[in-house]
N, C-alpha and C. Protein backbone atom coordinates (compact mmCIF):
# COMPACT_ATOMS: atom_id res chain seq x y z
N UNK A 1 93.82 73.05 124.75
CA UNK A 1 92.63 73.86 124.89
C UNK A 1 93.04 75.35 124.63
N UNK A 2 92.05 76.13 124.17
CA UNK A 2 92.26 77.54 123.88
C UNK A 2 92.45 78.31 125.15
N UNK A 3 93.40 79.25 125.19
CA UNK A 3 93.59 80.05 126.33
C UNK A 3 93.93 81.51 125.82
N UNK A 4 93.22 82.44 126.46
CA UNK A 4 93.46 83.85 126.13
C UNK A 4 93.82 84.51 127.47
N UNK A 5 94.95 85.19 127.47
CA UNK A 5 95.42 85.74 128.75
C UNK A 5 95.70 87.32 128.47
N UNK A 6 94.86 88.11 129.16
CA UNK A 6 94.99 89.51 129.09
C UNK A 6 96.06 90.08 130.01
N UNK A 7 96.63 91.21 129.74
CA UNK A 7 97.55 91.93 130.60
C UNK A 7 97.64 93.38 130.14
N UNK A 8 98.18 94.21 131.02
CA UNK A 8 98.43 95.53 130.68
C UNK A 8 97.46 96.53 131.37
N UNK A 9 96.54 96.01 132.14
CA UNK A 9 95.66 96.90 132.87
C UNK A 9 96.36 97.66 134.00
N UNK A 10 95.64 98.57 134.57
CA UNK A 10 96.15 99.27 135.77
C UNK A 10 95.42 100.54 136.01
N UNK A 11 96.01 101.39 136.81
CA UNK A 11 95.46 102.68 137.24
C UNK A 11 96.17 103.79 136.36
N UNK A 12 95.35 104.61 135.73
CA UNK A 12 95.86 105.70 134.86
C UNK A 12 94.98 106.92 135.13
N UNK A 13 95.64 108.05 135.03
CA UNK A 13 94.91 109.28 135.08
C UNK A 13 94.10 109.67 133.85
N UNK A 14 93.01 110.39 133.97
CA UNK A 14 92.28 110.85 132.80
C UNK A 14 93.21 111.48 131.73
N UNK A 15 93.08 111.22 130.52
CA UNK A 15 93.86 111.67 129.49
C UNK A 15 95.10 110.78 129.18
N UNK A 16 95.35 109.82 129.99
CA UNK A 16 96.46 108.93 129.83
C UNK A 16 96.23 107.79 128.89
N UNK A 17 97.22 106.87 128.71
CA UNK A 17 97.09 105.81 127.83
C UNK A 17 97.49 104.52 128.36
N UNK A 18 96.96 103.44 127.88
CA UNK A 18 97.36 102.08 128.31
C UNK A 18 97.27 101.18 127.05
N UNK A 19 98.08 100.15 127.04
CA UNK A 19 98.00 99.16 125.99
C UNK A 19 97.75 97.79 126.62
N UNK A 20 96.57 97.21 126.24
CA UNK A 20 96.23 95.91 126.75
C UNK A 20 96.72 94.85 125.72
N UNK A 21 97.22 93.67 126.27
CA UNK A 21 97.59 92.56 125.45
C UNK A 21 96.76 91.41 125.69
N UNK A 22 96.53 90.56 124.66
CA UNK A 22 95.77 89.30 124.79
C UNK A 22 96.65 88.22 124.07
N UNK A 23 97.37 87.43 124.92
CA UNK A 23 98.19 86.37 124.33
C UNK A 23 97.36 85.09 124.24
N UNK A 24 97.37 84.57 122.99
CA UNK A 24 96.55 83.43 122.71
C UNK A 24 97.33 82.13 122.60
N UNK A 25 96.75 81.02 123.12
CA UNK A 25 97.28 79.72 122.95
C UNK A 25 96.28 78.82 122.31
N UNK A 26 96.77 77.99 121.31
CA UNK A 26 95.90 77.10 120.62
C UNK A 26 94.77 77.74 119.81
N UNK A 27 95.04 79.02 119.49
CA UNK A 27 94.15 79.79 118.66
C UNK A 27 95.02 80.80 117.88
N UNK A 28 94.74 80.91 116.57
CA UNK A 28 95.56 81.78 115.83
C UNK A 28 94.87 83.10 115.69
N UNK A 29 95.50 84.25 116.25
CA UNK A 29 94.85 85.54 116.19
C UNK A 29 94.87 86.05 114.76
N UNK A 30 95.75 85.52 113.90
CA UNK A 30 95.72 85.92 112.49
C UNK A 30 94.49 85.41 111.71
N UNK A 31 94.06 84.23 112.11
CA UNK A 31 92.97 83.61 111.35
C UNK A 31 91.60 83.57 112.14
N UNK A 32 91.61 84.31 113.23
CA UNK A 32 90.36 84.39 114.06
C UNK A 32 89.83 85.73 114.10
N UNK A 33 88.51 85.93 114.34
CA UNK A 33 87.97 87.20 114.66
C UNK A 33 88.19 87.48 116.13
N UNK A 34 88.93 88.52 116.40
CA UNK A 34 89.27 88.83 117.77
C UNK A 34 88.57 90.13 118.25
N UNK A 35 88.18 90.20 119.48
CA UNK A 35 87.47 91.40 119.99
C UNK A 35 87.83 91.66 121.40
N UNK A 36 87.51 92.91 121.79
CA UNK A 36 87.58 93.39 123.23
C UNK A 36 86.26 93.79 123.68
N UNK A 37 85.86 93.38 124.89
CA UNK A 37 84.71 93.81 125.57
C UNK A 37 85.16 94.44 126.95
N UNK A 38 84.22 95.11 127.52
CA UNK A 38 84.54 95.60 128.84
C UNK A 38 83.24 95.61 129.74
N UNK A 39 83.43 95.57 131.01
CA UNK A 39 82.37 95.67 131.96
C UNK A 39 82.65 96.65 133.05
N UNK A 40 81.93 97.72 133.07
CA UNK A 40 82.13 98.76 134.07
C UNK A 40 81.44 98.40 135.35
N UNK A 41 81.72 99.11 136.46
CA UNK A 41 81.04 98.80 137.70
C UNK A 41 79.58 98.98 137.63
N UNK A 42 78.84 97.97 137.92
CA UNK A 42 77.29 98.00 137.88
C UNK A 42 76.77 98.04 136.51
N UNK A 43 77.57 97.67 135.57
CA UNK A 43 77.12 97.68 134.15
C UNK A 43 77.17 96.33 133.55
N UNK A 44 76.49 96.13 132.43
CA UNK A 44 76.66 94.89 131.66
C UNK A 44 77.91 94.88 130.79
N UNK A 45 78.32 93.79 130.42
CA UNK A 45 79.51 93.66 129.48
C UNK A 45 79.10 94.32 128.10
N UNK A 46 80.06 95.14 127.56
CA UNK A 46 79.73 95.74 126.33
C UNK A 46 80.93 95.62 125.35
N UNK A 47 80.52 95.71 124.10
CA UNK A 47 81.48 95.59 123.00
C UNK A 47 82.33 96.84 122.95
N UNK A 48 83.60 96.63 122.67
CA UNK A 48 84.50 97.80 122.58
C UNK A 48 85.15 97.87 121.15
N UNK A 49 85.73 96.71 120.73
CA UNK A 49 86.45 96.77 119.42
C UNK A 49 86.47 95.38 118.91
N UNK A 50 86.66 95.28 117.52
CA UNK A 50 86.75 93.99 116.80
C UNK A 50 87.64 94.05 115.69
N UNK A 51 88.39 93.01 115.46
CA UNK A 51 89.22 92.85 114.18
C UNK A 51 88.91 91.53 113.61
N UNK A 52 88.43 91.47 112.36
CA UNK A 52 88.11 90.25 111.67
C UNK A 52 89.48 89.53 111.23
N UNK A 53 89.25 88.35 110.75
CA UNK A 53 90.51 87.65 110.31
C UNK A 53 91.05 88.27 109.07
N UNK A 54 90.23 89.14 108.33
CA UNK A 54 90.77 89.78 107.17
C UNK A 54 91.35 91.22 107.48
N UNK A 55 91.21 91.54 108.79
CA UNK A 55 91.86 92.84 109.17
C UNK A 55 90.83 93.96 109.27
N UNK A 56 89.64 93.70 108.99
CA UNK A 56 88.57 94.75 109.16
C UNK A 56 88.32 95.06 110.56
N UNK A 57 88.31 96.31 110.92
CA UNK A 57 88.11 96.74 112.30
C UNK A 57 86.79 97.46 112.50
N UNK A 58 86.24 97.40 113.71
CA UNK A 58 85.08 98.17 114.11
C UNK A 58 85.18 98.57 115.56
N UNK A 59 84.54 99.54 115.93
CA UNK A 59 84.60 100.14 117.28
C UNK A 59 83.24 100.58 117.75
N UNK A 60 83.13 100.61 119.09
CA UNK A 60 81.90 101.22 119.65
C UNK A 60 82.07 102.72 119.52
N UNK A 61 80.92 103.40 119.46
CA UNK A 61 80.92 104.86 119.26
C UNK A 61 81.67 105.51 120.51
N UNK A 62 81.64 104.96 121.62
CA UNK A 62 82.22 105.63 122.82
C UNK A 62 83.76 105.56 122.73
N UNK A 63 84.41 104.69 121.91
CA UNK A 63 85.81 104.62 121.92
C UNK A 63 86.42 105.01 120.61
N UNK A 64 85.56 105.14 119.63
CA UNK A 64 86.07 105.46 118.26
C UNK A 64 86.91 106.69 118.21
N UNK A 65 88.15 106.58 117.58
CA UNK A 65 89.02 107.68 117.48
C UNK A 65 89.99 107.69 118.69
N UNK A 66 89.76 106.93 119.72
CA UNK A 66 90.68 106.94 120.88
C UNK A 66 91.28 105.57 121.06
N UNK A 67 90.65 104.48 120.74
CA UNK A 67 91.11 103.16 120.92
C UNK A 67 91.52 102.56 119.53
N UNK A 68 92.46 101.64 119.49
CA UNK A 68 92.94 100.94 118.34
C UNK A 68 93.14 99.50 118.59
N UNK A 69 92.54 98.68 117.91
CA UNK A 69 92.77 97.15 118.01
C UNK A 69 93.76 96.80 117.02
N UNK A 70 94.66 95.90 117.42
CA UNK A 70 95.73 95.38 116.49
C UNK A 70 96.07 93.98 116.89
N UNK A 71 96.92 93.39 115.98
CA UNK A 71 97.46 92.05 116.31
C UNK A 71 98.79 91.93 115.72
N UNK A 72 99.59 91.02 116.41
CA UNK A 72 100.89 90.59 116.07
C UNK A 72 100.94 89.15 115.77
N UNK A 73 100.95 88.75 114.52
CA UNK A 73 100.81 87.25 114.17
C UNK A 73 102.01 86.54 114.74
N UNK A 74 103.22 87.16 114.71
CA UNK A 74 104.44 86.41 115.19
C UNK A 74 104.36 86.18 116.71
N UNK A 75 103.79 87.10 117.39
CA UNK A 75 103.58 86.86 118.89
C UNK A 75 102.33 86.21 119.23
N UNK A 76 101.41 86.08 118.22
CA UNK A 76 100.04 85.49 118.41
C UNK A 76 99.35 86.20 119.49
N UNK A 77 99.33 87.49 119.45
CA UNK A 77 98.83 88.38 120.50
C UNK A 77 98.01 89.43 119.85
N UNK A 78 96.88 89.72 120.43
CA UNK A 78 96.03 90.87 120.07
C UNK A 78 96.20 91.99 121.04
N UNK A 79 96.02 93.27 120.60
CA UNK A 79 96.31 94.40 121.43
C UNK A 79 95.12 95.35 121.39
N UNK A 80 94.96 96.19 122.47
CA UNK A 80 94.00 97.25 122.42
C UNK A 80 94.80 98.50 122.95
N UNK A 81 95.14 99.40 122.09
CA UNK A 81 95.73 100.65 122.44
C UNK A 81 94.65 101.63 122.87
N UNK A 82 94.76 102.25 124.02
CA UNK A 82 93.70 103.08 124.56
C UNK A 82 94.34 104.44 124.93
N UNK A 83 93.92 105.42 124.17
CA UNK A 83 94.42 106.75 124.41
C UNK A 83 93.30 107.64 124.92
N UNK A 84 93.72 108.80 125.43
CA UNK A 84 92.78 109.87 125.93
C UNK A 84 91.70 109.22 126.80
N UNK A 85 92.18 108.36 127.79
CA UNK A 85 91.24 107.61 128.63
C UNK A 85 90.37 108.60 129.51
N UNK A 86 89.23 108.14 129.80
CA UNK A 86 88.23 108.80 130.60
C UNK A 86 87.77 108.04 131.67
N UNK A 87 87.34 108.55 132.79
CA UNK A 87 86.77 107.77 133.88
C UNK A 87 85.76 106.76 133.49
N UNK A 88 84.91 107.08 132.46
CA UNK A 88 83.93 106.15 131.99
C UNK A 88 84.56 104.89 131.37
N UNK A 89 85.82 104.91 131.03
CA UNK A 89 86.46 103.78 130.49
C UNK A 89 86.86 102.73 131.56
N UNK A 90 86.63 103.05 132.81
CA UNK A 90 86.98 102.16 133.92
C UNK A 90 86.25 100.95 133.79
N UNK A 91 86.83 99.73 134.00
CA UNK A 91 86.15 98.49 133.97
C UNK A 91 87.14 97.31 133.79
N UNK A 92 86.57 96.11 133.77
CA UNK A 92 87.31 94.95 133.40
C UNK A 92 87.28 94.77 131.91
N UNK A 93 88.44 94.60 131.29
CA UNK A 93 88.54 94.42 129.85
C UNK A 93 88.73 92.98 129.58
N UNK A 94 87.96 92.45 128.65
CA UNK A 94 88.06 91.03 128.26
C UNK A 94 88.41 90.87 126.84
N UNK A 95 89.26 89.91 126.50
CA UNK A 95 89.58 89.54 125.20
C UNK A 95 88.67 88.35 124.79
N UNK A 96 88.26 88.44 123.55
CA UNK A 96 87.34 87.36 123.02
C UNK A 96 87.82 86.97 121.64
N UNK A 97 87.87 85.58 121.51
CA UNK A 97 88.27 85.08 120.21
C UNK A 97 87.62 83.69 119.97
N UNK A 98 86.99 83.55 118.82
CA UNK A 98 86.40 82.26 118.40
C UNK A 98 85.62 81.56 119.65
N UNK A 99 84.78 82.36 120.17
CA UNK A 99 83.90 81.87 121.28
C UNK A 99 84.53 81.66 122.59
N UNK A 100 85.75 82.06 122.68
CA UNK A 100 86.57 81.86 123.96
C UNK A 100 86.75 83.25 124.60
N UNK A 101 86.74 83.28 125.93
CA UNK A 101 86.98 84.45 126.74
C UNK A 101 88.24 84.42 127.52
N UNK A 102 88.93 85.53 127.69
CA UNK A 102 89.99 85.61 128.72
C UNK A 102 89.41 85.87 130.06
N UNK A 103 90.29 85.99 131.04
CA UNK A 103 89.95 86.22 132.45
C UNK A 103 89.70 87.61 132.74
N UNK A 104 90.13 88.53 131.88
CA UNK A 104 89.94 89.95 132.07
C UNK A 104 91.09 90.64 132.83
N UNK A 105 91.25 91.98 132.50
CA UNK A 105 92.24 92.79 133.13
C UNK A 105 91.60 94.09 133.57
N UNK A 106 91.91 94.57 134.75
CA UNK A 106 91.26 95.72 135.33
C UNK A 106 91.83 97.03 134.85
N UNK A 107 91.05 97.94 134.36
CA UNK A 107 91.55 99.24 134.00
C UNK A 107 90.77 100.26 134.87
N UNK A 108 91.47 101.18 135.57
CA UNK A 108 90.89 102.17 136.43
C UNK A 108 91.39 103.51 135.98
N UNK A 109 90.48 104.40 135.60
CA UNK A 109 90.88 105.74 135.12
C UNK A 109 90.34 106.69 136.19
N UNK A 110 91.31 107.24 136.88
CA UNK A 110 90.99 108.17 137.96
C UNK A 110 92.12 109.05 138.34
N UNK A 111 91.77 110.24 138.78
CA UNK A 111 92.84 111.15 139.25
C UNK A 111 93.05 111.04 140.74
């Protein structure tokens, strides 16, 4: 069965950086459309970033220029590099691939 396991979340100060990882099992990140979503406190889950199987990327306006989605085919892992973090970036971040969801990793941006 497909399994997506996120890691890398934590507490960071505003302006800081984090890199989230999404390790995939029984799913090839190289040949799948991979995405990251997040859900802030009291908010609905929202799209953050996407990378198609051909490598095309797209981002929500709120993270464009600060976040970067990437993948490592050898490690079969997708990543989300998050820079210049803001308190509004706080939430649970979920990896999504081929209709499967990970369990999420918590990101808290606070001083």
